[in-house]
């Protein structure tokens, strides 16, 4: 490793696990209540069993979605050999949101569903989001190929254009749905950790994360080689084309499942791999599980922080918290990348 040996990387992974465990515990113990005057009072302590069950369900959703977004970001960073790649930057989150919103609008227009809660429970939501995410990454790929370059700035610009286009489609669909549903959709678009999630959605997201984790362990050496130049990767026997297809499909599906669960939350897929690299190093046999822990910790930590922030309209949406942290971090990474080139 560069700057990391196996022992220091293992300590970093253990540290990530401890941090993630502390964040989980904090999220379970932090709560809010209303006093006699109608004011909000923060509480810290073990709640009643019913409240603990709700918090546990929300924490599970945040952990699974954060882990999925982190792994998705790592997939795209390896795929494009670009540390600035992420589901949000490349428009994949917006594409998944557009796919789910399209299924929502079609269901509502056909009178099949009565509201967004039903949409999130609909089995059509997952494949629609998956198709939207794969469509987005396909558009970015084709635009970059058309321009004849895969440099980071070009990929970011293509991703921003794709994301903006899908975001416009989402706004159009929001305009077309009934007024009673529009508020729920806007809330979902800002990112929302559900207090109660359907078991099959949690199981699907968790299953995809476990499959991604297992494949990451199995093909860790190939992922290391894929970060080199294409000729170097081929020279050591890595089937680079098949690996790219797998990373494209896996990253899209992980982003889609996470978007269906918590909404199109930005920057988690960018921050988690970088946080893991800082602690465990660049080798993927540790970076893959480190990214899972970092993604879970980032999103769950943002959910814990937002419990303290109430600007008069209720708790701050979790997507706003991740954007407030992730936006400056993305600019720093972009400037740092430019200074090194």
C-alpha atoms as a PDB file:
ATOM      1  CA  UNK A   1       0.000   0.000   0.000  1.00  0.00           C
ATOM      2  CA  UNK A   2       1.035   3.611  -0.468  1.00  0.00           C
ATOM      3  CA  UNK A   3       1.448   4.988   3.027  1.00  0.00           C
ATOM      4  CA  UNK A   4      -0.494   2.022   4.447  1.00  0.00           C
ATOM      5  CA  UNK A   5       0.593  -1.444   5.492  1.00  0.00           C
ATOM      6  CA  UNK A   6      -1.825  -4.263   6.201  1.00  0.00           C
ATOM      7  CA  UNK A   7      -1.769  -3.582   9.948  1.00  0.00           C
ATOM      8  CA  UNK A   8      -2.530   0.154   9.690  1.00  0.00           C
ATOM      9  CA  UNK A   9      -5.270  -0.530   7.135  1.00  0.00           C
ATOM     10  CA  UNK A  10      -6.807  -3.073   9.503  1.00  0.00           C
ATOM     11  CA  UNK A  11      -6.725  -0.541  12.327  1.00  0.00           C
ATOM     12  CA  UNK A  12      -8.410   1.981  10.072  1.00  0.00           C
ATOM     13  CA  UNK A  13     -11.142  -0.519   9.219  1.00  0.00           C
ATOM     14  CA  UNK A  14     -11.644  -1.278  12.902  1.00  0.00           C
ATOM     15  CA  UNK A  15     -11.834   2.453  13.595  1.00  0.00           C
ATOM     16  CA  UNK A  16     -14.507   2.850  10.939  1.00  0.00           C
ATOM     17  CA  UNK A  17     -16.487   0.033  12.523  1.00  0.00           C
ATOM     18  CA  UNK A  18     -16.267   1.668  15.947  1.00  0.00           C
ATOM     19  CA  UNK A  19     -17.328   5.053  14.553  1.00  0.00           C
ATOM     20  CA  UNK A  20     -20.265   3.463  12.741  1.00  0.00           C
ATOM     21  CA  UNK A  21     -21.320   1.663  15.920  1.00  0.00           C
ATOM     22  CA  UNK A  22     -21.160   4.880  17.949  1.00  0.00           C
ATOM     23  CA  UNK A  23     -23.279   6.683  15.338  1.00  0.00           C
ATOM     24  CA  UNK A  24     -25.872   3.880  15.400  1.00  0.00           C
ATOM     25  CA  UNK A  25     -26.046   4.073  19.190  1.00  0.00           C
ATOM     26  CA  UNK A  26     -26.354   7.869  19.106  1.00  0.00           C
ATOM     27  CA  UNK A  27     -29.183   7.703  16.571  1.00  0.00           C
ATOM     28  CA  UNK A  28     -31.095   5.241  18.745  1.00  0.00           C
ATOM     29  CA  UNK A  29     -30.707   7.395  21.865  1.00  0.00           C
ATOM     30  CA  UNK A  30     -31.366  10.849  20.367  1.00  0.00           C
ATOM     31  CA  UNK A  31     -34.996  11.959  20.258  1.00  0.00           C
ATOM     32  CA  UNK A  32     -37.335  14.927  20.290  1.00  0.00           C
ATOM     33  CA  UNK A  33     -40.487  15.647  22.279  1.00  0.00           C
ATOM     34  CA  UNK A  34     -42.986  18.480  22.634  1.00  0.00           C
ATOM     35  CA  UNK A  35     -43.268  20.221  26.017  1.00  0.00           C
ATOM     36  CA  UNK A  36     -46.355  21.861  27.559  1.00  0.00           C
ATOM     37  CA  UNK A  37     -45.740  25.139  25.712  1.00  0.00           C
ATOM     38  CA  UNK A  38     -45.504  23.455  22.321  1.00  0.00           C
ATOM     39  CA  UNK A  39     -41.721  23.807  22.124  1.00  0.00           C
ATOM     40  CA  UNK A  40     -39.351  21.106  20.938  1.00  0.00           C
ATOM     41  CA  UNK A  41     -37.192  19.445  23.609  1.00  0.00           C
ATOM     42  CA  UNK A  42     -34.219  17.273  22.731  1.00  0.00           C
ATOM     43  CA  UNK A  43     -33.894  14.027  24.651  1.00  0.00           C
ATOM     44  CA  UNK A  44     -30.999  11.628  25.036  1.00  0.00           C
ATOM     45  CA  UNK A  45     -31.597   8.245  26.566  1.00  0.00           C
ATOM     46  CA  UNK A  46     -33.165   4.851  26.049  1.00  0.00           C
ATOM     47  CA  UNK A  47     -36.762   5.391  24.875  1.00  0.00           C
ATOM     48  CA  UNK A  48     -39.825   3.215  25.279  1.00  0.00           C
ATOM     49  CA  UNK A  49     -39.897  -0.011  23.295  1.00  0.00           C
ATOM     50  CA  UNK A  50     -42.317   1.320  20.657  1.00  0.00           C
ATOM     51  CA  UNK A  51     -40.175   4.398  20.013  1.00  0.00           C
ATOM     52  CA  UNK A  52     -36.997   2.298  19.968  1.00  0.00           C
ATOM     53  CA  UNK A  53     -38.573   0.049  17.328  1.00  0.00           C
ATOM     54  CA  UNK A  54     -39.303   3.034  15.087  1.00  0.00           C
ATOM     55  CA  UNK A  55     -35.812   4.458  15.543  1.00  0.00           C
ATOM     56  CA  UNK A  56     -34.285   1.046  14.833  1.00  0.00           C
ATOM     57  CA  UNK A  57     -36.233   0.796  11.582  1.00  0.00           C
ATOM     58  CA  UNK A  58     -35.081   4.272  10.525  1.00  0.00           C
ATOM     59  CA  UNK A  59     -31.473   3.484  11.472  1.00  0.00           C
ATOM     60  CA  UNK A  60     -31.601   0.246   9.457  1.00  0.00           C
ATOM     61  CA  UNK A  61     -32.862   2.098   6.384  1.00  0.00           C
ATOM     62  CA  UNK A  62     -30.127   4.745   6.741  1.00  0.00           C
ATOM     63  CA  UNK A  63     -27.378   2.128   7.198  1.00  0.00           C
ATOM     64  CA  UNK A  64     -28.450   0.078   4.175  1.00  0.00           C
ATOM     65  CA  UNK A  65     -29.004   3.079   1.904  1.00  0.00           C
ATOM     66  CA  UNK A  66     -25.733   4.712   2.967  1.00  0.00           C
ATOM     67  CA  UNK A  67     -23.810   1.491   2.388  1.00  0.00           C
ATOM     68  CA  UNK A  68     -25.458   1.088  -1.023  1.00  0.00           C
ATOM     69  CA  UNK A  69     -24.665   4.662  -2.077  1.00  0.00           C
ATOM     70  CA  UNK A  70     -21.082   4.308  -0.877  1.00  0.00           C
ATOM     71  CA  UNK A  71     -20.523   1.088  -2.824  1.00  0.00           C
ATOM     72  CA  UNK A  72     -22.200   2.618  -5.874  1.00  0.00           C
ATOM     73  CA  UNK A  73     -19.824   5.574  -5.723  1.00  0.00           C
ATOM     74  CA  UNK A  74     -16.830   3.234  -5.429  1.00  0.00           C
ATOM     75  CA  UNK A  75     -18.050   1.275  -8.465  1.00  0.00           C
ATOM     76  CA  UNK A  76     -18.200   4.410 -10.595  1.00  0.00           C
ATOM     77  CA  UNK A  77     -14.853   5.712  -9.357  1.00  0.00           C
ATOM     78  CA  UNK A  78     -13.174   2.448 -10.379  1.00  0.00           C
ATOM     79  CA  UNK A  79     -15.165   2.227 -13.606  1.00  0.00           C
ATOM     80  CA  UNK A  80     -14.133   5.693 -14.766  1.00  0.00           C
ATOM     81  CA  UNK A  81     -10.788   5.845 -12.933  1.00  0.00           C
ATOM     82  CA  UNK A  82     -12.043   9.152 -11.601  1.00  0.00           C
ATOM     83  CA  UNK A  83     -12.160   9.952  -7.852  1.00  0.00           C
ATOM     84  CA  UNK A  84     -14.815  12.619  -8.506  1.00  0.00           C
ATOM     85  CA  UNK A  85     -17.352  10.116  -9.819  1.00  0.00           C
ATOM     86  CA  UNK A  86     -20.448   9.356  -7.752  1.00  0.00           C
ATOM     87  CA  UNK A  87     -24.103   8.430  -8.337  1.00  0.00           C
ATOM     88  CA  UNK A  88     -25.160  12.052  -7.835  1.00  0.00           C
ATOM     89  CA  UNK A  89     -22.369  13.706  -9.842  1.00  0.00           C
ATOM     90  CA  UNK A  90     -22.935  11.364 -12.786  1.00  0.00           C
ATOM     91  CA  UNK A  91     -26.704  11.856 -12.708  1.00  0.00           C
ATOM     92  CA  UNK A  92     -27.475   8.285 -11.620  1.00  0.00           C
ATOM     93  CA  UNK A  93     -29.407   9.358  -8.531  1.00  0.00           C
ATOM     94  CA  UNK A  94     -31.468  11.806 -10.591  1.00  0.00           C
ATOM     95  CA  UNK A  95     -32.046   9.121 -13.211  1.00  0.00           C
ATOM     96  CA  UNK A  96     -33.249   6.666 -10.574  1.00  0.00           C
ATOM     97  CA  UNK A  97     -35.488   9.365  -9.110  1.00  0.00           C
ATOM     98  CA  UNK A  98     -36.896  10.093 -12.552  1.00  0.00           C
ATOM     99  CA  UNK A  99     -37.615   6.413 -13.126  1.00  0.00           C
ATOM    100  CA  UNK A 100     -39.431   6.108  -9.821  1.00  0.00           C
ATOM    101  CA  UNK A 101     -41.310   9.370 -10.390  1.00  0.00           C
ATOM    102  CA  UNK A 102     -42.403   8.150 -13.819  1.00  0.00           C
ATOM    103  CA  UNK A 103     -43.789   4.971 -12.264  1.00  0.00           C
ATOM    104  CA  UNK A 104     -45.483   7.142  -9.627  1.00  0.00           C
ATOM    105  CA  UNK A 105     -47.137   9.405 -12.182  1.00  0.00           C
ATOM    106  CA  UNK A 106     -48.266   6.510 -14.385  1.00  0.00           C
ATOM    107  CA  UNK A 107     -49.721   4.695 -11.378  1.00  0.00           C
ATOM    108  CA  UNK A 108     -51.540   7.798 -10.171  1.00  0.00           C
ATOM    109  CA  UNK A 109     -52.766   8.638 -13.655  1.00  0.00           C
ATOM    110  CA  UNK A 110     -54.165   5.145 -13.995  1.00  0.00           C
ATOM    111  CA  UNK A 111     -55.824   5.289 -10.587  1.00  0.00           C
ATOM    112  CA  UNK A 112     -53.795   2.328  -9.349  1.00  0.00           C
ATOM    113  CA  UNK A 113     -52.287   4.011  -6.300  1.00  0.00           C
ATOM    114  CA  UNK A 114     -53.631   6.524  -3.873  1.00  0.00           C
ATOM    115  CA  UNK A 115     -50.445   8.341  -2.860  1.00  0.00           C
ATOM    116  CA  UNK A 116     -46.696   8.313  -2.687  1.00  0.00           C
ATOM    117  CA  UNK A 117     -46.702   5.874   0.232  1.00  0.00           C
ATOM    118  CA  UNK A 118     -48.324   3.335  -2.025  1.00  0.00           C
ATOM    119  CA  UNK A 119     -45.817   4.092  -4.738  1.00  0.00           C
ATOM    120  CA  UNK A 120     -42.880   3.284  -2.477  1.00  0.00           C
ATOM    121  CA  UNK A 121     -44.549  -0.028  -1.673  1.00  0.00           C
ATOM    122  CA  UNK A 122     -45.207  -0.828  -5.328  1.00  0.00           C
ATOM    123  CA  UNK A 123     -42.994  -3.526  -6.806  1.00  0.00           C
ATOM    124  CA  UNK A 124     -42.790  -1.475 -10.032  1.00  0.00           C
ATOM    125  CA  UNK A 125     -40.738   1.165  -8.211  1.00  0.00           C
ATOM    126  CA  UNK A 126     -37.491  -0.819  -8.007  1.00  0.00           C
ATOM    127  CA  UNK A 127     -37.178  -1.802 -11.696  1.00  0.00           C
ATOM    128  CA  UNK A 128     -38.285   1.687 -12.766  1.00  0.00           C
ATOM    129  CA  UNK A 129     -35.575   3.276 -10.620  1.00  0.00           C
ATOM    130  CA  UNK A 130     -33.020   0.747 -11.861  1.00  0.00           C
ATOM    131  CA  UNK A 131     -33.872   1.520 -15.489  1.00  0.00           C
ATOM    132  CA  UNK A 132     -33.628   5.240 -14.811  1.00  0.00           C
ATOM    133  CA  UNK A 133     -30.216   4.902 -13.162  1.00  0.00           C
ATOM    134  CA  UNK A 134     -28.830   2.745 -15.968  1.00  0.00           C
ATOM    135  CA  UNK A 135     -30.219   5.159 -18.541  1.00  0.00           C
ATOM    136  CA  UNK A 136     -28.419   8.038 -16.827  1.00  0.00           C
ATOM    137  CA  UNK A 137     -25.034   6.343 -16.681  1.00  0.00           C
ATOM    138  CA  UNK A 138     -25.474   5.190 -20.279  1.00  0.00           C
ATOM    139  CA  UNK A 139     -26.087   8.770 -21.396  1.00  0.00           C
ATOM    140  CA  UNK A 140     -22.963   9.980 -19.543  1.00  0.00           C
ATOM    141  CA  UNK A 141     -20.922   7.185 -21.077  1.00  0.00           C
ATOM    142  CA  UNK A 142     -22.135   7.893 -24.612  1.00  0.00           C
ATOM    143  CA  UNK A 143     -21.622  11.640 -24.269  1.00  0.00           C
ATOM    144  CA  UNK A 144     -18.063  11.111 -23.088  1.00  0.00           C
ATOM    145  CA  UNK A 145     -17.353   8.650 -25.892  1.00  0.00           C
ATOM    146  CA  UNK A 146     -18.845  11.088 -28.378  1.00  0.00           C
ATOM    147  CA  UNK A 147     -16.519  13.825 -27.135  1.00  0.00           C
ATOM    148  CA  UNK A 148     -13.625  11.395 -27.399  1.00  0.00           C
ATOM    149  CA  UNK A 149     -12.285  11.798 -23.872  1.00  0.00           C
ATOM    150  CA  UNK A 150     -12.783  10.386 -20.382  1.00  0.00           C
ATOM    151  CA  UNK A 151     -10.970  13.084 -18.446  1.00  0.00           C
ATOM    152  CA  UNK A 152     -12.508  14.047 -15.081  1.00  0.00           C
ATOM    153  CA  UNK A 153     -13.736  17.504 -16.113  1.00  0.00           C
ATOM    154  CA  UNK A 154     -15.550  16.147 -19.178  1.00  0.00           C
ATOM    155  CA  UNK A 155     -17.207  13.391 -17.157  1.00  0.00           C
ATOM    156  CA  UNK A 156     -18.321  15.836 -14.473  1.00  0.00           C
ATOM    157  CA  UNK A 157     -19.774  18.194 -17.087  1.00  0.00           C
ATOM    158  CA  UNK A 158     -21.607  15.328 -18.810  1.00  0.00           C
ATOM    159  CA  UNK A 159     -22.928  14.179 -15.435  1.00  0.00           C
ATOM    160  CA  UNK A 160     -24.119  17.672 -14.514  1.00  0.00           C
ATOM    161  CA  UNK A 161     -25.938  18.007 -17.837  1.00  0.00           C
ATOM    162  CA  UNK A 162     -27.540  14.577 -17.447  1.00  0.00           C
ATOM    163  CA  UNK A 163     -28.516  15.266 -13.844  1.00  0.00           C
ATOM    164  CA  UNK A 164     -30.048  18.629 -14.777  1.00  0.00           C
ATOM    165  CA  UNK A 165     -32.043  17.042 -17.604  1.00  0.00           C
ATOM    166  CA  UNK A 166     -33.488  14.325 -15.388  1.00  0.00           C
ATOM    167  CA  UNK A 167     -34.149  16.897 -12.658  1.00  0.00           C
ATOM    168  CA  UNK A 168     -36.194  18.904 -15.160  1.00  0.00           C
ATOM    169  CA  UNK A 169     -38.165  15.762 -15.968  1.00  0.00           C
ATOM    170  CA  UNK A 170     -38.779  15.203 -12.266  1.00  0.00           C
ATOM    171  CA  UNK A 171     -40.087  18.755 -11.862  1.00  0.00           C
ATOM    172  CA  UNK A 172     -42.401  18.243 -14.836  1.00  0.00           C
ATOM    173  CA  UNK A 173     -43.818  15.084 -13.293  1.00  0.00           C
ATOM    174  CA  UNK A 174     -44.261  16.887  -9.985  1.00  0.00           C
ATOM    175  CA  UNK A 175     -46.321  19.483 -11.822  1.00  0.00           C
ATOM    176  CA  UNK A 176     -48.508  16.789 -13.385  1.00  0.00           C
ATOM    177  CA  UNK A 177     -49.399  14.909 -10.216  1.00  0.00           C
ATOM    178  CA  UNK A 178     -52.370  16.002  -8.024  1.00  0.00           C
ATOM    179  CA  UNK A 179     -51.773  18.740  -5.465  1.00  0.00           C
ATOM    180  CA  UNK A 180     -52.319  16.393  -2.545  1.00  0.00           C
ATOM    181  CA  UNK A 181     -49.415  14.201  -3.640  1.00  0.00           C
ATOM    182  CA  UNK A 182     -46.998  16.936  -4.697  1.00  0.00           C
ATOM    183  CA  UNK A 183     -45.895  17.815  -1.154  1.00  0.00           C
ATOM    184  CA  UNK A 184     -45.002  14.196  -0.400  1.00  0.00           C
ATOM    185  CA  UNK A 185     -42.989  13.965  -3.617  1.00  0.00           C
ATOM    186  CA  UNK A 186     -41.085  17.184  -2.871  1.00  0.00           C
ATOM    187  CA  UNK A 187     -40.277  15.881   0.611  1.00  0.00           C
ATOM    188  CA  UNK A 188     -39.065  12.601  -0.852  1.00  0.00           C
ATOM    189  CA  UNK A 189     -36.880  14.415  -3.408  1.00  0.00           C
ATOM    190  CA  UNK A 190     -35.062  16.247  -0.599  1.00  0.00           C
ATOM    191  CA  UNK A 191     -34.172  12.928   1.007  1.00  0.00           C
ATOM    192  CA  UNK A 192     -36.207  11.255   3.700  1.00  0.00           C
ATOM    193  CA  UNK A 193     -35.216   8.452   6.044  1.00  0.00           C
ATOM    194  CA  UNK A 194     -38.436   6.438   6.465  1.00  0.00           C
ATOM    195  CA  UNK A 195     -39.416   5.496   9.992  1.00  0.00           C
ATOM    196  CA  UNK A 196     -41.122   2.356   8.699  1.00  0.00           C
ATOM    197  CA  UNK A 197     -39.966   0.646   5.511  1.00  0.00           C
ATOM    198  CA  UNK A 198     -41.420  -2.405   3.743  1.00  0.00           C
ATOM    199  CA  UNK A 199     -39.453  -5.513   4.668  1.00  0.00           C
ATOM    200  CA  UNK A 200     -38.930  -6.546   1.057  1.00  0.00           C
ATOM    201  CA  UNK A 201     -37.314  -3.198   0.205  1.00  0.00           C
ATOM    202  CA  UNK A 202     -34.934  -3.433   3.167  1.00  0.00           C
ATOM    203  CA  UNK A 203     -34.162  -7.036   2.219  1.00  0.00           C
ATOM    204  CA  UNK A 204     -33.548  -6.124  -1.431  1.00  0.00           C
ATOM    205  CA  UNK A 205     -31.233  -3.249  -0.581  1.00  0.00           C
ATOM    206  CA  UNK A 206     -29.415  -5.293   2.052  1.00  0.00           C
ATOM    207  CA  UNK A 207     -29.082  -8.211  -0.355  1.00  0.00           C
ATOM    208  CA  UNK A 208     -27.549  -6.000  -3.049  1.00  0.00           C
ATOM    209  CA  UNK A 209     -25.097  -4.554  -0.525  1.00  0.00           C
ATOM    210  CA  UNK A 210     -24.074  -8.042   0.634  1.00  0.00           C
ATOM    211  CA  UNK A 211     -23.623  -9.239  -2.951  1.00  0.00           C
ATOM    212  CA  UNK A 212     -21.559  -6.146  -3.742  1.00  0.00           C
ATOM    213  CA  UNK A 213     -19.456  -6.693  -0.624  1.00  0.00           C
ATOM    214  CA  UNK A 214     -18.843 -10.339  -1.501  1.00  0.00           C
ATOM    215  CA  UNK A 215     -17.936  -9.590  -5.115  1.00  0.00           C
ATOM    216  CA  UNK A 216     -15.671  -6.778  -3.962  1.00  0.00           C
ATOM    217  CA  UNK A 217     -13.733  -9.240  -1.777  1.00  0.00           C
ATOM    218  CA  UNK A 218     -13.551 -11.793  -4.583  1.00  0.00           C
ATOM    219  CA  UNK A 219     -12.352  -9.378  -7.262  1.00  0.00           C
ATOM    220  CA  UNK A 220     -10.317  -7.015  -5.060  1.00  0.00           C
ATOM    221  CA  UNK A 221      -7.121  -7.629  -7.044  1.00  0.00           C
ATOM    222  CA  UNK A 222      -8.930  -6.965 -10.333  1.00  0.00           C
ATOM    223  CA  UNK A 223     -10.349  -3.722  -8.926  1.00  0.00           C
ATOM    224  CA  UNK A 224      -6.836  -2.662  -7.920  1.00  0.00           C
ATOM    225  CA  UNK A 225      -5.606  -3.339 -11.442  1.00  0.00           C
ATOM    226  CA  UNK A 226      -8.593  -1.555 -13.003  1.00  0.00           C
ATOM    227  CA  UNK A 227      -7.430   1.684 -11.364  1.00  0.00           C
ATOM    228  CA  UNK A 228      -4.274   1.535 -13.511  1.00  0.00           C
ATOM    229  CA  UNK A 229      -4.216   2.370 -17.208  1.00  0.00           C
ATOM    230  CA  UNK A 230      -6.187   0.115 -19.518  1.00  0.00           C
ATOM    231  CA  UNK A 231      -3.035  -1.416 -21.055  1.00  0.00           C
ATOM    232  CA  UNK A 232      -1.586  -2.165 -17.615  1.00  0.00           C
ATOM    233  CA  UNK A 233      -4.838  -3.776 -16.491  1.00  0.00           C
ATOM    234  CA  UNK A 234      -4.992  -5.988 -19.577  1.00  0.00           C
ATOM    235  CA  UNK A 235      -1.314  -6.926 -19.230  1.00  0.00           C
ATOM    236  CA  UNK A 236      -1.979  -8.580 -15.853  1.00  0.00           C
ATOM    237  CA  UNK A 237      -4.917 -10.547 -17.220  1.00  0.00           C
ATOM    238  CA  UNK A 238      -7.854  -8.462 -15.977  1.00  0.00           C
ATOM    239  CA  UNK A 239     -10.953  -8.861 -18.238  1.00  0.00           C
ATOM    240  CA  UNK A 240     -11.439  -5.120 -18.217  1.00  0.00           C
ATOM    241  CA  UNK A 241     -14.503  -5.047 -20.483  1.00  0.00           C
ATOM    242  CA  UNK A 242     -16.452  -7.569 -18.392  1.00  0.00           C
ATOM    243  CA  UNK A 243     -15.365  -5.839 -15.214  1.00  0.00           C
ATOM    244  CA  UNK A 244     -16.612  -2.495 -16.512  1.00  0.00           C
ATOM    245  CA  UNK A 245     -19.973  -3.955 -17.432  1.00  0.00           C
ATOM    246  CA  UNK A 246     -20.271  -5.451 -13.957  1.00  0.00           C
ATOM    247  CA  UNK A 247     -19.323  -2.165 -12.284  1.00  0.00           C
ATOM    248  CA  UNK A 248     -21.802  -0.277 -14.465  1.00  0.00           C
ATOM    249  CA  UNK A 249     -24.655  -2.660 -13.646  1.00  0.00           C
ATOM    250  CA  UNK A 250     -23.764  -3.018  -9.963  1.00  0.00           C
ATOM    251  CA  UNK A 251     -23.341   0.705  -9.364  1.00  0.00           C
ATOM    252  CA  UNK A 252     -26.642   1.458 -11.078  1.00  0.00           C
ATOM    253  CA  UNK A 253     -28.599  -1.162  -9.144  1.00  0.00           C
ATOM    254  CA  UNK A 254     -27.118  -0.128  -5.788  1.00  0.00           C
ATOM    255  CA  UNK A 255     -27.962   3.517  -6.467  1.00  0.00           C
ATOM    256  CA  UNK A 256     -31.467   2.579  -7.613  1.00  0.00           C
ATOM    257  CA  UNK A 257     -32.243   0.550  -4.488  1.00  0.00           C
ATOM    258  CA  UNK A 258     -30.937   3.320  -2.237  1.00  0.00           C
ATOM    259  CA  UNK A 259     -32.950   5.997  -4.058  1.00  0.00           C
ATOM    260  CA  UNK A 260     -36.150   3.981  -3.738  1.00  0.00           C
ATOM    261  CA  UNK A 261     -35.483   3.597  -0.011  1.00  0.00           C
ATOM    262  CA  UNK A 262     -34.461   7.138   1.012  1.00  0.00           C
ATOM    263  CA  UNK A 263     -34.764   9.378  -2.046  1.00  0.00           C
ATOM    264  CA  UNK A 264     -32.047  10.855  -4.300  1.00  0.00           C
ATOM    265  CA  UNK A 265     -29.620  11.926  -1.554  1.00  0.00           C
ATOM    266  CA  UNK A 266     -26.493  13.641  -2.853  1.00  0.00           C
ATOM    267  CA  UNK A 267     -22.797  13.264  -2.071  1.00  0.00           C
ATOM    268  CA  UNK A 268     -22.852  10.123   0.108  1.00  0.00           C
ATOM    269  CA  UNK A 269     -21.471   8.115  -2.818  1.00  0.00           C
ATOM    270  CA  UNK A 270     -18.668  10.654  -3.210  1.00  0.00           C
ATOM    271  CA  UNK A 271     -17.728  11.115   0.437  1.00  0.00           C
ATOM    272  CA  UNK A 272     -17.812   7.484   1.614  1.00  0.00           C
ATOM    273  CA  UNK A 273     -15.042   6.055  -0.658  1.00  0.00           C
ATOM    274  CA  UNK A 274     -12.778   9.033   0.070  1.00  0.00           C
ATOM    275  CA  UNK A 275     -13.321   8.746   3.819  1.00  0.00           C
ATOM    276  CA  UNK A 276     -12.523   5.030   3.626  1.00  0.00           C
ATOM    277  CA  UNK A 277      -9.337   5.649   1.590  1.00  0.00           C
ATOM    278  CA  UNK A 278      -8.090   8.077   4.216  1.00  0.00           C
ATOM    279  CA  UNK A 279      -8.403   5.407   6.923  1.00  0.00           C
ATOM    280  CA  UNK A 280      -7.741   2.058   5.202  1.00  0.00           C
ATOM    281  CA  UNK A 281      -5.748   2.960   2.089  1.00  0.00           C
ATOM    282  CA  UNK A 282      -6.383   2.363  -1.626  1.00  0.00           C
ATOM    283  CA  UNK A 283      -6.303  -1.456  -1.743  1.00  0.00           C
ATOM    284  CA  UNK A 284      -9.788  -2.799  -2.402  1.00  0.00           C
ATOM    285  CA  UNK A 285      -9.700  -5.818  -0.078  1.00  0.00           C
ATOM    286  CA  UNK A 286     -10.028  -3.256   2.733  1.00  0.00           C
ATOM    287  CA  UNK A 287     -11.485  -0.351   0.773  1.00  0.00           C
ATOM    288  CA  UNK A 288     -14.683  -2.218  -0.160  1.00  0.00           C
ATOM    289  CA  UNK A 289     -15.768  -3.028   3.443  1.00  0.00           C
ATOM    290  CA  UNK A 290     -14.409   0.355   4.549  1.00  0.00           C
ATOM    291  CA  UNK A 291     -16.648   2.096   2.035  1.00  0.00           C
ATOM    292  CA  UNK A 292     -19.669   0.131   3.267  1.00  0.00           C
ATOM    293  CA  UNK A 293     -18.990   1.268   6.846  1.00  0.00           C
ATOM    294  CA  UNK A 294     -18.216   4.852   5.817  1.00  0.00           C
ATOM    295  CA  UNK A 295     -21.362   5.167   3.701  1.00  0.00           C
ATOM    296  CA  UNK A 296     -23.529   3.805   6.502  1.00  0.00           C
ATOM    297  CA  UNK A 297     -21.869   6.129   9.008  1.00  0.00           C
ATOM    298  CA  UNK A 298     -22.147   9.237   6.805  1.00  0.00           C
ATOM    299  CA  UNK A 299     -25.875   8.881   6.108  1.00  0.00           C
ATOM    300  CA  UNK A 300     -26.769   7.755   9.624  1.00  0.00           C
ATOM    301  CA  UNK A 301     -24.640  10.566  11.057  1.00  0.00           C
ATOM    302  CA  UNK A 302     -26.450  13.093   8.862  1.00  0.00           C
ATOM    303  CA  UNK A 303     -29.767  11.686  10.099  1.00  0.00           C
ATOM    304  CA  UNK A 304     -28.581  12.076  13.709  1.00  0.00           C
ATOM    305  CA  UNK A 305     -27.397  15.660  13.132  1.00  0.00           C
ATOM    306  CA  UNK A 306     -30.652  16.743  11.552  1.00  0.00           C
ATOM    307  CA  UNK A 307     -32.533  15.824  14.738  1.00  0.00           C
ATOM    308  CA  UNK A 308     -30.995  18.954  16.297  1.00  0.00           C
ATOM    309  CA  UNK A 309     -31.777  21.323  13.395  1.00  0.00           C
ATOM    310  CA  UNK A 310     -35.251  22.833  13.243  1.00  0.00           C
ATOM    311  CA  UNK A 311     -35.574  26.132  11.388  1.00  0.00           C
ATOM    312  CA  UNK A 312     -39.295  26.434  11.984  1.00  0.00           C
ATOM    313  CA  UNK A 313     -40.489  23.969   9.366  1.00  0.00           C
ATOM    314  CA  UNK A 314     -39.645  20.760  11.162  1.00  0.00           C
ATOM    315  CA  UNK A 315     -36.445  18.774  11.108  1.00  0.00           C
ATOM    316  CA  UNK A 316     -34.028  19.579   8.296  1.00  0.00           C
ATOM    317  CA  UNK A 317     -34.240  17.015   5.439  1.00  0.00           C
ATOM    318  CA  UNK A 318     -31.313  14.608   5.496  1.00  0.00           C
ATOM    319  CA  UNK A 319     -30.467  15.393   1.872  1.00  0.00           C
ATOM    320  CA  UNK A 320     -29.911  19.034   2.810  1.00  0.00           C
ATOM    321  CA  UNK A 321     -27.431  18.010   5.511  1.00  0.00           C
ATOM    322  CA  UNK A 322     -25.401  15.800   3.144  1.00  0.00           C
ATOM    323  CA  UNK A 323     -25.391  18.539   0.487  1.00  0.00           C
ATOM    324  CA  UNK A 324     -24.203  21.195   2.940  1.00  0.00           C
ATOM    325  CA  UNK A 325     -21.241  18.978   3.817  1.00  0.00           C
ATOM    326  CA  UNK A 326     -20.709  17.325   0.445  1.00  0.00           C
ATOM    327  CA  UNK A 327     -20.824  20.445  -1.746  1.00  0.00           C
ATOM    328  CA  UNK A 328     -17.720  22.108  -0.268  1.00  0.00           C
ATOM    329  CA  UNK A 329     -15.986  18.715  -0.103  1.00  0.00           C
ATOM    330  CA  UNK A 330     -16.633  18.130  -3.814  1.00  0.00           C
ATOM    331  CA  UNK A 331     -15.229  21.556  -4.707  1.00  0.00           C
ATOM    332  CA  UNK A 332     -12.142  20.851  -2.591  1.00  0.00           C
ATOM    333  CA  UNK A 333     -11.592  17.507  -4.315  1.00  0.00           C
ATOM    334  CA  UNK A 334     -12.078  19.093  -7.738  1.00  0.00           C
ATOM    335  CA  UNK A 335      -9.577  21.887  -6.999  1.00  0.00           C
ATOM    336  CA  UNK A 336      -7.115  19.432  -5.454  1.00  0.00           C
ATOM    337  CA  UNK A 337      -7.432  17.146  -8.473  1.00  0.00           C
ATOM    338  CA  UNK A 338      -6.776  20.080 -10.797  1.00  0.00           C
ATOM    339  CA  UNK A 339      -3.688  21.181  -8.836  1.00  0.00           C
ATOM    340  CA  UNK A 340      -2.231  17.673  -9.129  1.00  0.00           C
ATOM    341  CA  UNK A 341      -2.764  17.332 -12.874  1.00  0.00           C
END
